[in-house]
C-alpha atoms as a PDB file:
ATOM      1  CA  MET A   1     -13.465 -13.178-100.106  1.00  0.00           C
ATOM      2  CA  LYS A   2     -10.826 -15.799-100.923  1.00  0.00           C
ATOM      3  CA  LEU A   3     -11.806 -19.128-101.728  1.00  0.00           C
ATOM      4  CA  ALA A   4      -9.938 -22.397-102.608  1.00  0.00           C
ATOM      5  CA  THR A   5     -10.429 -25.916-103.120  1.00  0.00           C
ATOM      6  CA  LEU A   6      -8.913 -28.501-100.491  1.00  0.00           C
ATOM      7  CA  LYS A   7      -8.014 -32.153-101.544  1.00  0.00           C
ATOM      8  CA  ASN A   8     -10.367 -34.664-100.156  1.00  0.00           C
ATOM      9  CA  GLY A   9      -9.622 -37.655-102.247  1.00  0.00           C
ATOM     10  CA  THR A  10     -12.326 -36.792-104.655  1.00  0.00           C
ATOM     11  CA  ARG A  11     -11.382 -35.220-108.163  1.00  0.00           C
ATOM     12  CA  ASP A  12     -13.037 -32.006-107.637  1.00  0.00           C
ATOM     13  CA  GLY A  13     -12.171 -31.293-103.604  1.00  0.00           C
ATOM     14  CA  LYS A  14     -14.121 -29.322-101.132  1.00  0.00           C
ATOM     15  CA  LEU A  15     -14.777 -25.401-101.203  1.00  0.00           C
ATOM     16  CA  VAL A  16     -13.233 -23.774 -98.383  1.00  0.00           C
ATOM     17  CA  VAL A  17     -13.265 -19.793 -97.639  1.00  0.00           C
ATOM     18  CA  VAL A  18      -9.727 -18.470 -96.553  1.00  0.00           C
ATOM     19  CA  SER A  19      -8.776 -15.758 -94.575  1.00  0.00           C
ATOM     20  CA  ARG A  20      -7.429 -12.395 -96.051  1.00  0.00           C
ATOM     21  CA  ASP A  21      -4.215 -13.483 -94.528  1.00  0.00           C
ATOM     22  CA  LEU A  22      -4.091 -16.616 -95.592  1.00  0.00           C
ATOM     23  CA  THR A  23      -3.810 -18.581 -92.579  1.00  0.00           C
ATOM     24  CA  ARG A  24      -6.878 -20.135 -91.488  1.00  0.00           C
ATOM     25  CA  PHE A  25     -10.000 -21.634 -93.702  1.00  0.00           C
ATOM     26  CA  ALA A  26     -13.733 -22.295 -92.636  1.00  0.00           C
ATOM     27  CA  ASP A  27     -15.292 -25.059 -94.250  1.00  0.00           C
ATOM     28  CA  ALA A  28     -18.080 -23.935 -96.617  1.00  0.00           C
ATOM     29  CA  SER A  29     -19.045 -27.317 -98.151  1.00  0.00           C
ATOM     30  CA  PHE A  30     -22.176 -27.196 -95.911  1.00  0.00           C
ATOM     31  CA  LEU A  31     -23.385 -24.508 -98.327  1.00  0.00           C
ATOM     32  CA  VAL A  32     -22.257 -25.718-101.561  1.00  0.00           C
ATOM     33  CA  PRO A  33     -19.733 -28.524-101.982  1.00  0.00           C
ATOM     34  CA  THR A  34     -17.446 -27.182-104.959  1.00  0.00           C
ATOM     35  CA  MET A  35     -16.364 -24.456-106.357  1.00  0.00           C
ATOM     36  CA  GLN A  36     -17.983 -25.181-109.860  1.00  0.00           C
ATOM     37  CA  ALA A  37     -21.074 -25.387-107.862  1.00  0.00           C
ATOM     38  CA  ALA A  38     -20.471 -22.333-106.458  1.00  0.00           C
ATOM     39  CA  LEU A  39     -20.120 -20.533-109.581  1.00  0.00           C
ATOM     40  CA  ASP A  40     -23.474 -22.391-111.406  1.00  0.00           C
ATOM     41  CA  ASP A  41     -25.357 -20.901-108.630  1.00  0.00           C
ATOM     42  CA  TRP A  42     -23.595 -17.590-107.912  1.00  0.00           C
ATOM     43  CA  ARG A  43     -26.027 -15.155-107.447  1.00  0.00           C
ATOM     44  CA  ARG A  44     -27.461 -17.038-104.586  1.00  0.00           C
ATOM     45  CA  ILE A  45     -24.931 -18.500-102.830  1.00  0.00           C
ATOM     46  CA  SER A  46     -22.367 -15.728-103.234  1.00  0.00           C
ATOM     47  CA  SER A  47     -23.879 -13.795-100.450  1.00  0.00           C
ATOM     48  CA  HIS A  48     -23.421 -16.801 -98.124  1.00  0.00           C
ATOM     49  CA  LEU A  49     -20.083 -17.568 -98.711  1.00  0.00           C
ATOM     50  CA  ALA A  50     -19.155 -13.602 -98.177  1.00  0.00           C
ATOM     51  CA  ALA A  51     -20.887 -14.125 -94.842  1.00  0.00           C
ATOM     52  CA  LEU A  52     -19.098 -16.982 -93.873  1.00  0.00           C
ATOM     53  CA  SER A  53     -15.964 -15.050 -94.976  1.00  0.00           C
ATOM     54  CA  GLU A  54     -16.714 -11.934 -92.650  1.00  0.00           C
ATOM     55  CA  SER A  55     -17.270 -14.775 -90.077  1.00  0.00           C
ATOM     56  CA  LEU A  56     -14.158 -16.654 -90.380  1.00  0.00           C
ATOM     57  CA  GLU A  57     -12.400 -13.083 -90.269  1.00  0.00           C
ATOM     58  CA  HIS A  58     -13.779 -12.191 -87.080  1.00  0.00           C
ATOM     59  CA  GLY A  59     -13.094 -15.872 -85.600  1.00  0.00           C
ATOM     60  CA  SER A  60     -16.791 -16.438 -84.943  1.00  0.00           C
ATOM     61  CA  VAL A  61     -16.980 -19.920 -86.837  1.00  0.00           C
ATOM     62  CA  PRO A  62     -14.770 -23.074 -86.629  1.00  0.00           C
ATOM     63  CA  SER A  63     -11.562 -22.879 -88.458  1.00  0.00           C
ATOM     64  CA  GLU A  64      -8.368 -24.761 -89.272  1.00  0.00           C
ATOM     65  CA  ARG A  65      -4.879 -24.055 -90.166  1.00  0.00           C
ATOM     66  CA  PHE A  66      -4.462 -23.066 -94.354  1.00  0.00           C
ATOM     67  CA  HIS A  67      -1.510 -24.813 -95.671  1.00  0.00           C
ATOM     68  CA  GLU A  68      -1.128 -24.130 -99.480  1.00  0.00           C
ATOM     69  CA  HIS A  69       0.269 -27.502-100.130  1.00  0.00           C
ATOM     70  CA  ASP A  70      -2.900 -29.091 -99.184  1.00  0.00           C
ATOM     71  CA  ALA A  71      -4.716 -27.088-102.184  1.00  0.00           C
ATOM     72  CA  LEU A  72      -5.950 -28.351-105.388  1.00  0.00           C
ATOM     73  CA  SER A  73      -6.265 -25.304-108.210  1.00  0.00           C
ATOM     74  CA  PRO A  74      -9.228 -23.398-107.457  1.00  0.00           C
ATOM     75  CA  LEU A  75     -11.064 -25.543-110.440  1.00  0.00           C
ATOM     76  CA  PRO A  76      -9.228 -28.422-110.223  1.00  0.00           C
ATOM     77  CA  ARG A  77     -10.870 -28.904-114.171  1.00  0.00           C
ATOM     78  CA  ALA A  78     -12.934 -26.573-115.535  1.00  0.00           C
ATOM     79  CA  TYR A  79     -15.428 -26.423-118.565  1.00  0.00           C
ATOM     80  CA  GLN A  80     -13.288 -24.200-120.777  1.00  0.00           C
ATOM     81  CA  TRP A  81      -9.606 -22.926-120.267  1.00  0.00           C
ATOM     82  CA  ALA A  82      -8.816 -19.961-123.144  1.00  0.00           C
ATOM     83  CA  ASP A  83      -5.444 -18.245-123.107  1.00  0.00           C
ATOM     84  CA  GLY A  84      -5.058 -14.737-124.460  1.00  0.00           C
ATOM     85  CA  SER A  85      -2.255 -12.750-125.307  1.00  0.00           C
ATOM     86  CA  ALA A  86      -2.907  -9.930-123.786  1.00  0.00           C
ATOM     87  CA  TYR A  87       0.550  -8.485-123.504  1.00  0.00           C
ATOM     88  CA  VAL A  88       1.604  -7.863-127.094  1.00  0.00           C
ATOM     89  CA  ASN A  89       5.092  -6.846-126.022  1.00  0.00           C
ATOM     90  CA  HIS A  90       5.833 -10.551-125.477  1.00  0.00           C
ATOM     91  CA  VAL A  91       4.402 -11.442-128.839  1.00  0.00           C
ATOM     92  CA  GLU A  92       6.618  -8.644-130.529  1.00  0.00           C
ATOM     93  CA  LEU A  93       9.428 -10.017-129.513  1.00  0.00           C
ATOM     94  CA  VAL A  94       8.743 -13.680-130.277  1.00  0.00           C
ATOM     95  CA  ARG A  95       8.254 -12.192-134.144  1.00  0.00           C
ATOM     96  CA  LYS A  96      11.391 -10.061-133.768  1.00  0.00           C
ATOM     97  CA  ALA A  97      13.572 -12.687-132.885  1.00  0.00           C
ATOM     98  CA  ARG A  98      12.762 -14.801-136.011  1.00  0.00           C
ATOM     99  CA  ASN A  99      12.820 -11.796-137.925  1.00  0.00           C
ATOM    100  CA  ALA A 100       9.279 -11.512-138.540  1.00  0.00           C
ATOM    101  CA  GLU A 101       6.740  -8.594-139.028  1.00  0.00           C
ATOM    102  CA  MET A 102       3.998  -8.514-136.552  1.00  0.00           C
ATOM    103  CA  PRO A 103       0.549  -7.826-138.364  1.00  0.00           C
ATOM    104  CA  GLU A 104      -1.008  -4.583-136.923  1.00  0.00           C
ATOM    105  CA  SER A 105      -4.428  -6.451-136.201  1.00  0.00           C
ATOM    106  CA  PHE A 106      -2.171  -7.863-133.314  1.00  0.00           C
ATOM    107  CA  TRP A 107      -2.879  -4.823-131.437  1.00  0.00           C
ATOM    108  CA  THR A 108      -6.469  -4.255-132.349  1.00  0.00           C
ATOM    109  CA  ASP A 109      -7.448  -8.220-131.917  1.00  0.00           C
ATOM    110  CA  PRO A 110      -6.539 -10.256-129.287  1.00  0.00           C
ATOM    111  CA  LEU A 111      -4.844 -13.621-129.592  1.00  0.00           C
ATOM    112  CA  MET A 112      -6.510 -16.617-127.913  1.00  0.00           C
ATOM    113  CA  TYR A 113      -6.131 -20.381-127.929  1.00  0.00           C
ATOM    114  CA  GLN A 114      -8.421 -23.101-126.120  1.00  0.00           C
ATOM    115  CA  GLY A 115      -6.373 -25.036-123.676  1.00  0.00           C
ATOM    116  CA  GLY A 116      -6.833 -28.271-121.966  1.00  0.00           C
ATOM    117  CA  SER A 117      -8.829 -28.188-119.139  1.00  0.00           C
ATOM    118  CA  ASP A 118      -9.667 -31.319-117.805  1.00  0.00           C
ATOM    119  CA  SER A 119      -6.436 -32.083-115.867  1.00  0.00           C
ATOM    120  CA  PHE A 120      -5.067 -28.764-114.025  1.00  0.00           C
ATOM    121  CA  LEU A 121      -2.204 -29.091-111.719  1.00  0.00           C
ATOM    122  CA  ALA A 122      -2.404 -28.331-107.917  1.00  0.00           C
ATOM    123  CA  PRO A 123      -0.432 -25.322-107.174  1.00  0.00           C
ATOM    124  CA  ARG A 124       2.507 -27.185-105.294  1.00  0.00           C
ATOM    125  CA  ASP A 125       2.525 -30.505-107.410  1.00  0.00           C
ATOM    126  CA  PRO A 126       5.351 -31.205-109.333  1.00  0.00           C
ATOM    127  CA  ILE A 127       5.790 -30.728-113.472  1.00  0.00           C
ATOM    128  CA  VAL A 128       5.972 -34.279-114.587  1.00  0.00           C
ATOM    129  CA  MET A 129       7.616 -34.245-118.287  1.00  0.00           C
ATOM    130  CA  ALA A 130       9.011 -37.189-119.991  1.00  0.00           C
ATOM    131  CA  ASP A 131      12.076 -35.540-121.674  1.00  0.00           C
ATOM    132  CA  GLU A 132      14.039 -32.042-121.125  1.00  0.00           C
ATOM    133  CA  ALA A 133      14.329 -31.555-124.867  1.00  0.00           C
ATOM    134  CA  TYR A 134      10.527 -30.701-124.882  1.00  0.00           C
ATOM    135  CA  GLY A 135      11.871 -27.431-123.925  1.00  0.00           C
ATOM    136  CA  ILE A 136      10.270 -26.890-120.513  1.00  0.00           C
ATOM    137  CA  ASP A 137       8.966 -23.100-119.923  1.00  0.00           C
ATOM    138  CA  MET A 138       6.943 -21.785-117.381  1.00  0.00           C
ATOM    139  CA  GLU A 139       4.274 -18.724-117.996  1.00  0.00           C
ATOM    140  CA  GLY A 140       3.638 -16.639-115.539  1.00  0.00           C
ATOM    141  CA  GLU A 141       0.314 -15.324-115.864  1.00  0.00           C
ATOM    142  CA  VAL A 142      -3.221 -13.589-114.367  1.00  0.00           C
ATOM    143  CA  ALA A 143      -6.557 -14.932-114.981  1.00  0.00           C
ATOM    144  CA  VAL A 144     -10.213 -14.375-114.323  1.00  0.00           C
ATOM    145  CA  VAL A 145     -12.857 -16.907-113.872  1.00  0.00           C
ATOM    146  CA  VAL A 146     -16.441 -15.968-115.367  1.00  0.00           C
ATOM    147  CA  GLY A 147     -20.316 -16.711-114.704  1.00  0.00           C
ATOM    148  CA  ASP A 148     -22.318 -17.578-117.555  1.00  0.00           C
ATOM    149  CA  VAL A 149     -21.704 -15.075-120.558  1.00  0.00           C
ATOM    150  CA  THR A 150     -23.842 -14.861-123.488  1.00  0.00           C
ATOM    151  CA  MET A 151     -22.675 -14.941-127.290  1.00  0.00           C
ATOM    152  CA  GLY A 152     -22.146 -11.523-128.225  1.00  0.00           C
ATOM    153  CA  ALA A 153     -21.719 -10.235-125.055  1.00  0.00           C
ATOM    154  CA  SER A 154     -20.344  -6.663-125.065  1.00  0.00           C
ATOM    155  CA  VAL A 155     -17.534  -5.720-122.978  1.00  0.00           C
ATOM    156  CA  ALA A 156     -19.231  -4.053-120.057  1.00  0.00           C
ATOM    157  CA  GLU A 157     -21.318  -7.217-119.924  1.00  0.00           C
ATOM    158  CA  ALA A 158     -18.354  -9.300-119.826  1.00  0.00           C
ATOM    159  CA  ARG A 159     -16.744  -6.916-116.935  1.00  0.00           C
ATOM    160  CA  ASP A 160     -19.807  -7.775-115.139  1.00  0.00           C
ATOM    161  CA  ALA A 161     -19.449 -11.596-115.449  1.00  0.00           C
ATOM    162  CA  ILE A 162     -15.967 -11.622-113.881  1.00  0.00           C
ATOM    163  CA  ARG A 163     -16.148 -13.675-110.424  1.00  0.00           C
ATOM    164  CA  LEU A 164     -12.955 -14.726-109.390  1.00  0.00           C
ATOM    165  CA  VAL A 165      -9.155 -13.665-109.959  1.00  0.00           C
ATOM    166  CA  MET A 166      -6.193 -16.266-109.733  1.00  0.00           C
ATOM    167  CA  LEU A 167      -2.617 -16.541-111.106  1.00  0.00           C
ATOM    168  CA  VAL A 168      -1.448 -19.200-113.605  1.00  0.00           C
ATOM    169  CA  ASN A 169       1.690 -21.195-114.517  1.00  0.00           C
ATOM    170  CA  ASP A 170       0.567 -21.890-118.329  1.00  0.00           C
ATOM    171  CA  VAL A 171       3.706 -24.794-119.068  1.00  0.00           C
ATOM    172  CA  SER A 172       4.816 -24.333-122.570  1.00  0.00           C
ATOM    173  CA  LEU A 173       6.940 -26.845-124.245  1.00  0.00           C
ATOM    174  CA  ARG A 174       8.922 -24.672-126.474  1.00  0.00           C
ATOM    175  CA  GLY A 175      10.622 -27.204-128.435  1.00  0.00           C
ATOM    176  CA  LEU A 176       7.050 -28.932-129.656  1.00  0.00           C
ATOM    177  CA  ILE A 177       5.762 -25.444-130.358  1.00  0.00           C
ATOM    178  CA  PRO A 178       6.978 -24.892-133.590  1.00  0.00           C
ATOM    179  CA  ALA A 179       6.251 -28.221-135.425  1.00  0.00           C
ATOM    180  CA  GLU A 180       2.330 -27.997-134.042  1.00  0.00           C
ATOM    181  CA  LEU A 181       2.213 -24.151-135.082  1.00  0.00           C
ATOM    182  CA  ALA A 182       3.795 -24.986-138.764  1.00  0.00           C
ATOM    183  CA  LYS A 183       0.721 -27.447-139.133  1.00  0.00           C
ATOM    184  CA  GLY A 184      -1.662 -24.329-138.773  1.00  0.00           C
ATOM    185  CA  PHE A 185      -3.891 -25.948-136.485  1.00  0.00           C
ATOM    186  CA  GLY A 186      -2.575 -24.558-133.145  1.00  0.00           C
ATOM    187  CA  PHE A 187      -1.311 -25.862-130.081  1.00  0.00           C
ATOM    188  CA  PHE A 188      -1.910 -29.218-128.405  1.00  0.00           C
ATOM    189  CA  GLN A 189       1.330 -31.294-127.149  1.00  0.00           C
ATOM    190  CA  SER A 190       3.380 -28.312-126.583  1.00  0.00           C
ATOM    191  CA  LYS A 191       0.785 -26.914-123.622  1.00  0.00           C
ATOM    192  CA  PRO A 192       0.480 -29.809-121.035  1.00  0.00           C
ATOM    193  CA  SER A 193      -1.608 -29.249-117.989  1.00  0.00           C
ATOM    194  CA  SER A 194      -1.819 -25.798-116.330  1.00  0.00           C
ATOM    195  CA  ALA A 195      -1.361 -24.815-112.716  1.00  0.00           C
ATOM    196  CA  PHE A 196      -3.500 -22.022-110.902  1.00  0.00           C
ATOM    197  CA  SER A 197      -2.696 -20.171-107.641  1.00  0.00           C
ATOM    198  CA  PRO A 198      -3.919 -22.299-104.362  1.00  0.00           C
ATOM    199  CA  VAL A 199      -6.473 -19.487-103.631  1.00  0.00           C
ATOM    200  CA  ALA A 200      -9.213 -17.228-105.926  1.00  0.00           C
ATOM    201  CA  VAL A 201      -9.960 -13.958-105.118  1.00  0.00           C
ATOM    202  CA  THR A 202     -13.335 -11.972-105.917  1.00  0.00           C
ATOM    203  CA  PRO A 203     -12.042  -8.644-107.565  1.00  0.00           C
ATOM    204  CA  ASP A 204     -13.467  -6.416-104.150  1.00  0.00           C
ATOM    205  CA  GLU A 205     -10.625  -7.901-102.628  1.00  0.00           C
ATOM    206  CA  LEU A 206      -7.872  -6.535-104.646  1.00  0.00           C
ATOM    207  CA  GLY A 207      -8.836  -2.932-103.620  1.00  0.00           C
ATOM    208  CA  GLU A 208      -7.583   0.031-105.814  1.00  0.00           C
ATOM    209  CA  ALA A 209      -5.156  -2.795-107.511  1.00  0.00           C
ATOM    210  CA  TRP A 210      -8.208  -4.060-110.162  1.00  0.00           C
ATOM    211  CA  ASP A 211      -9.596  -1.209-112.235  1.00  0.00           C
ATOM    212  CA  GLY A 212     -12.519  -3.105-113.652  1.00  0.00           C
ATOM    213  CA  GLY A 213      -9.929  -5.217-115.934  1.00  0.00           C
ATOM    214  CA  ARG A 214      -6.640  -5.369-114.857  1.00  0.00           C
ATOM    215  CA  VAL A 215      -4.336  -6.187-111.800  1.00  0.00           C
ATOM    216  CA  HIS A 216      -1.959  -3.135-111.109  1.00  0.00           C
ATOM    217  CA  LEU A 217       0.480  -5.242-109.073  1.00  0.00           C
ATOM    218  CA  PRO A 218       4.133  -6.860-109.983  1.00  0.00           C
ATOM    219  CA  LEU A 219       3.918 -10.748-110.569  1.00  0.00           C
ATOM    220  CA  SER A 220       6.789 -12.110-108.896  1.00  0.00           C
ATOM    221  CA  VAL A 221       8.503 -15.095-110.582  1.00  0.00           C
ATOM    222  CA  ASP A 222      11.405 -16.821-109.432  1.00  0.00           C
ATOM    223  CA  LEU A 223      13.588 -19.732-110.675  1.00  0.00           C
ATOM    224  CA  ASN A 224      15.343 -21.651-108.349  1.00  0.00           C
ATOM    225  CA  GLY A 225      14.874 -19.062-105.514  1.00  0.00           C
ATOM    226  CA  LYS A 226      16.397 -16.283-107.728  1.00  0.00           C
ATOM    227  CA  PRO A 227      14.191 -13.241-108.829  1.00  0.00           C
ATOM    228  CA  PHE A 228      13.284 -13.917-112.750  1.00  0.00           C
ATOM    229  CA  GLY A 229      10.518 -11.622-113.247  1.00  0.00           C
ATOM    230  CA  ARG A 230       8.808  -8.746-111.655  1.00  0.00           C
ATOM    231  CA  ALA A 231       6.799  -7.586-114.431  1.00  0.00           C
ATOM    232  CA  ASP A 232       3.513  -5.391-113.497  1.00  0.00           C
ATOM    233  CA  ALA A 233       0.315  -6.909-114.587  1.00  0.00           C
ATOM    234  CA  GLY A 234      -1.002  -3.407-115.123  1.00  0.00           C
ATOM    235  CA  ILE A 235       1.642  -2.255-117.504  1.00  0.00           C
ATOM    236  CA  ASP A 236       1.350  -2.968-121.305  1.00  0.00           C
ATOM    237  CA  MET A 237      -1.600  -5.243-120.992  1.00  0.00           C
ATOM    238  CA  THR A 238      -3.113  -4.131-124.430  1.00  0.00           C
ATOM    239  CA  PHE A 239      -6.392  -5.613-123.999  1.00  0.00           C
ATOM    240  CA  ASP A 240      -7.783  -5.711-120.732  1.00  0.00           C
ATOM    241  CA  PHE A 241      -9.899  -8.886-119.038  1.00  0.00           C
ATOM    242  CA  PRO A 242     -13.355  -7.968-120.251  1.00  0.00           C
ATOM    243  CA  THR A 243     -11.915  -7.702-123.961  1.00  0.00           C
ATOM    244  CA  LEU A 244     -10.794 -10.696-123.526  1.00  0.00           C
ATOM    245  CA  VAL A 245     -13.869 -12.281-122.145  1.00  0.00           C
ATOM    246  CA  ALA A 246     -16.222 -10.598-125.151  1.00  0.00           C
ATOM    247  CA  HIS A 247     -13.607 -12.017-127.442  1.00  0.00           C
ATOM    248  CA  ALA A 248     -14.060 -15.507-126.308  1.00  0.00           C
ATOM    249  CA  ALA A 249     -17.583 -14.943-126.280  1.00  0.00           C
ATOM    250  CA  LYS A 250     -17.924 -13.398-130.055  1.00  0.00           C
ATOM    251  CA  THR A 251     -19.691 -16.461-131.442  1.00  0.00           C
ATOM    252  CA  ARG A 252     -20.224 -19.183-128.319  1.00  0.00           C
ATOM    253  CA  PRO A 253     -21.574 -18.344-124.879  1.00  0.00           C
ATOM    254  CA  LEU A 254     -19.455 -19.254-121.789  1.00  0.00           C
ATOM    255  CA  SER A 255     -20.503 -21.184-119.331  1.00  0.00           C
ATOM    256  CA  ALA A 256     -20.034 -20.242-115.706  1.00  0.00           C
ATOM    257  CA  GLY A 257     -16.674 -21.358-114.597  1.00  0.00           C
ATOM    258  CA  SER A 258     -14.715 -20.642-117.615  1.00  0.00           C
ATOM    259  CA  ILE A 259     -11.315 -19.597-117.003  1.00  0.00           C
ATOM    260  CA  ILE A 260      -9.796 -16.625-119.504  1.00  0.00           C
ATOM    261  CA  GLY A 261      -6.187 -16.150-119.174  1.00  0.00           C
ATOM    262  CA  SER A 262      -4.315 -13.029-119.796  1.00  0.00           C
ATOM    263  CA  GLY A 263      -1.083 -14.602-121.568  1.00  0.00           C
ATOM    264  CA  THR A 264       2.592 -14.119-120.480  1.00  0.00           C
ATOM    265  CA  VAL A 265       2.815 -10.842-118.141  1.00  0.00           C
ATOM    266  CA  SER A 266       5.174  -8.738-119.969  1.00  0.00           C
ATOM    267  CA  ASN A 267       6.824  -5.086-119.402  1.00  0.00           C
ATOM    268  CA  LYS A 268       8.705  -2.995-121.821  1.00  0.00           C
ATOM    269  CA  LEU A 269      11.244  -0.742-120.557  1.00  0.00           C
ATOM    270  CA  ASP A 270      12.003   2.807-122.026  1.00  0.00           C
ATOM    271  CA  GLY A 271      10.161   1.599-125.108  1.00  0.00           C
ATOM    272  CA  GLY A 272      12.715  -1.405-125.267  1.00  0.00           C
ATOM    273  CA  PRO A 273      12.473  -5.025-124.631  1.00  0.00           C
ATOM    274  CA  GLY A 274      13.102  -4.934-120.700  1.00  0.00           C
ATOM    275  CA  LYS A 275      15.878  -5.849-118.840  1.00  0.00           C
ATOM    276  CA  PRO A 276      17.027  -8.910-116.073  1.00  0.00           C
ATOM    277  CA  VAL A 277      15.915  -8.236-112.708  1.00  0.00           C
ATOM    278  CA  SER A 278      19.718  -8.230-111.961  1.00  0.00           C
ATOM    279  CA  GLU A 279      19.905  -5.232-113.843  1.00  0.00           C
ATOM    280  CA  GLY A 280      17.286  -3.198-112.798  1.00  0.00           C
ATOM    281  CA  GLY A 281      14.682  -4.091-114.858  1.00  0.00           C
ATOM    282  CA  ALA A 282      11.108  -5.795-114.393  1.00  0.00           C
ATOM    283  CA  GLY A 283      12.596  -9.360-115.709  1.00  0.00           C
ATOM    284  CA  TYR A 284      10.487 -11.689-117.525  1.00  0.00           C
ATOM    285  CA  SER A 285       7.845 -13.914-116.846  1.00  0.00           C
ATOM    286  CA  CYS A 286       8.832 -16.811-119.115  1.00  0.00           C
ATOM    287  CA  ILE A 287      12.125 -17.956-119.802  1.00  0.00           C
ATOM    288  CA  ALA A 288      11.000 -17.809-123.832  1.00  0.00           C
ATOM    289  CA  GLU A 289      11.242 -14.226-123.993  1.00  0.00           C
ATOM    290  CA  ILE A 290      14.676 -13.547-122.423  1.00  0.00           C
ATOM    291  CA  ARG A 291      15.893 -15.729-124.942  1.00  0.00           C
ATOM    292  CA  MET A 292      14.377 -13.811-127.560  1.00  0.00           C
ATOM    293  CA  ILE A 293      16.312 -10.637-126.339  1.00  0.00           C
ATOM    294  CA  GLU A 294      19.395 -12.696-126.386  1.00  0.00           C
ATOM    295  CA  THR A 295      18.547 -13.692-129.821  1.00  0.00           C
ATOM    296  CA  ILE A 296      17.990 -10.238-130.786  1.00  0.00           C
ATOM    297  CA  ALA A 297      21.196  -8.871-128.855  1.00  0.00           C
ATOM    298  CA  THR A 298      23.903 -11.606-130.028  1.00  0.00           C
ATOM    299  CA  GLY A 299      22.071 -13.819-132.703  1.00  0.00           C
ATOM    300  CA  LYS A 300      21.472 -16.913-130.520  1.00  0.00           C
ATOM    301  CA  PRO A 301      19.831 -17.581-126.880  1.00  0.00           C
ATOM    302  CA  ALA A 302      21.919 -18.481-124.015  1.00  0.00           C
ATOM    303  CA  THR A 303      19.365 -18.798-121.302  1.00  0.00           C
ATOM    304  CA  PRO A 304      18.573 -22.697-120.909  1.00  0.00           C
ATOM    305  CA  PHE A 305      14.976 -23.761-120.542  1.00  0.00           C
ATOM    306  CA  MET A 306      13.971 -25.665-117.123  1.00  0.00           C
ATOM    307  CA  HIS A 307      16.010 -28.779-116.200  1.00  0.00           C
ATOM    308  CA  PHE A 308      14.653 -31.923-114.022  1.00  0.00           C
ATOM    309  CA  GLY A 309      15.028 -30.474-110.585  1.00  0.00           C
ATOM    310  CA  ASP A 310      14.078 -26.957-111.321  1.00  0.00           C
ATOM    311  CA  THR A 311      12.043 -25.211-109.224  1.00  0.00           C
ATOM    312  CA  VAL A 312       9.700 -22.012-110.212  1.00  0.00           C
ATOM    313  CA  ARG A 313       7.601 -19.897-107.948  1.00  0.00           C
ATOM    314  CA  ILE A 314       4.908 -17.493-109.035  1.00  0.00           C
ATOM    315  CA  GLU A 315       3.400 -15.022-106.485  1.00  0.00           C
ATOM    316  CA  MET A 316       1.952 -12.152-106.138  1.00  0.00           C
ATOM    317  CA  LYS A 317       1.857  -9.689-103.053  1.00  0.00           C
ATOM    318  CA  ASP A 318      -0.213  -6.435-102.417  1.00  0.00           C
ATOM    319  CA  LYS A 319       1.583  -2.865-101.560  1.00  0.00           C
ATOM    320  CA  ALA A 320       2.120  -4.202 -97.931  1.00  0.00           C
ATOM    321  CA  GLY A 321       4.035  -7.029 -99.219  1.00  0.00           C
ATOM    322  CA  HIS A 322       1.413  -9.832 -97.985  1.00  0.00           C
ATOM    323  CA  SER A 323       0.616 -12.374-100.647  1.00  0.00           C
ATOM    324  CA  ILE A 324      -2.823 -12.467-101.903  1.00  0.00           C
ATOM    325  CA  PHE A 325      -3.233 -15.561-104.137  1.00  0.00           C
ATOM    326  CA  GLY A 326      -0.404 -17.822-102.125  1.00  0.00           C
ATOM    327  CA  ALA A 327       2.126 -19.131-104.340  1.00  0.00           C
ATOM    328  CA  ILE A 328       2.395 -21.376-107.252  1.00  0.00           C
ATOM    329  CA  GLU A 329       5.415 -23.305-106.754  1.00  0.00           C
ATOM    330  CA  GLN A 330       6.406 -26.096-108.825  1.00  0.00           C
ATOM    331  CA  THR A 331       9.412 -28.533-109.463  1.00  0.00           C
ATOM    332  CA  VAL A 332      10.278 -30.137-112.869  1.00  0.00           C
ATOM    333  CA  THR A 333      10.900 -33.818-112.199  1.00  0.00           C
ATOM    334  CA  LYS A 334      10.936 -37.052-114.591  1.00  0.00           C
ATOM    335  CA  TYR A 335       8.020 -38.443-115.886  1.00  0.00           C
ATOM    336  CA  GLU A 336       8.471 -42.529-115.176  1.00  0.00           C
ATOM    337  CA  LYS A 337       5.736 -44.433-116.959  1.00  0.00           C
ATOM    338  CA  GLU A 338       4.393 -47.144-114.500  1.00  0.00           C
ATOM    339  CA  LYS A 339       5.177 -50.901-115.446  1.00  0.00           C
END
């Protein structure tokens, strides 16, 4: 089934069930008011939501037109947002661009940081920034939402805890990252609010594209209406989602509604660093990656980070060409402090 959170004037919105073709929705708030409440009571409520979803497909319940612009992120705020870096190709390129060796442990022990989860952006909301010099970048990713996960959970237990799958734009401020990492305490100002797809789906909704740990479909990233990335999310993913969830739960339990991200989706090409879509490659899911490749090739980057007025669109379609999660589409706008 497909679930979304619609704007209703409250911080957490209202839960709705969305049709598989993303054209209609049925109000689910009579069953459970919010996405978080549903996740807290998933074992009891999920069957009722699934029944409502089937009724919606058959046209046997009242429904309304679904507009992606009316959606908040599926979880407008969450108890936890932890983002991994499962595509080690991306990490390898970052380090190669600055002539740094990548530790062998990166292939066996996932990287992960804890991001801010109190103010996610709606999928069609602008990315509001004060200064282009921050180095504004998009990062196209896949994420899962889990139920309660016990501390020290096994990979198999982590797999069973995955409730929903969705897309992410993990906005990054590349100009601020180096100084923050140099302090040895991780990201903070360089990782502003992220946005998630209009719709989150249960893994079974993905059919054969979901193998229990990865989504085997291309992630489309467009910049200003032009194809920028078409990397396959199921390829070159060194650590699958159950592994990432188990890693996050090694020393702490995870509460229902915790979100675990894949990190930037990144593909190699014939063993190399990849090529732009315009040259027949899979492209890139963030600007930083093509800048790394330019640096490796010529000694300096050529592609600029995002400017005010630039628009990014992130979407994933099934093999028939139908949008699965709806689209994240955001325009960078200048922050004007209220007087």
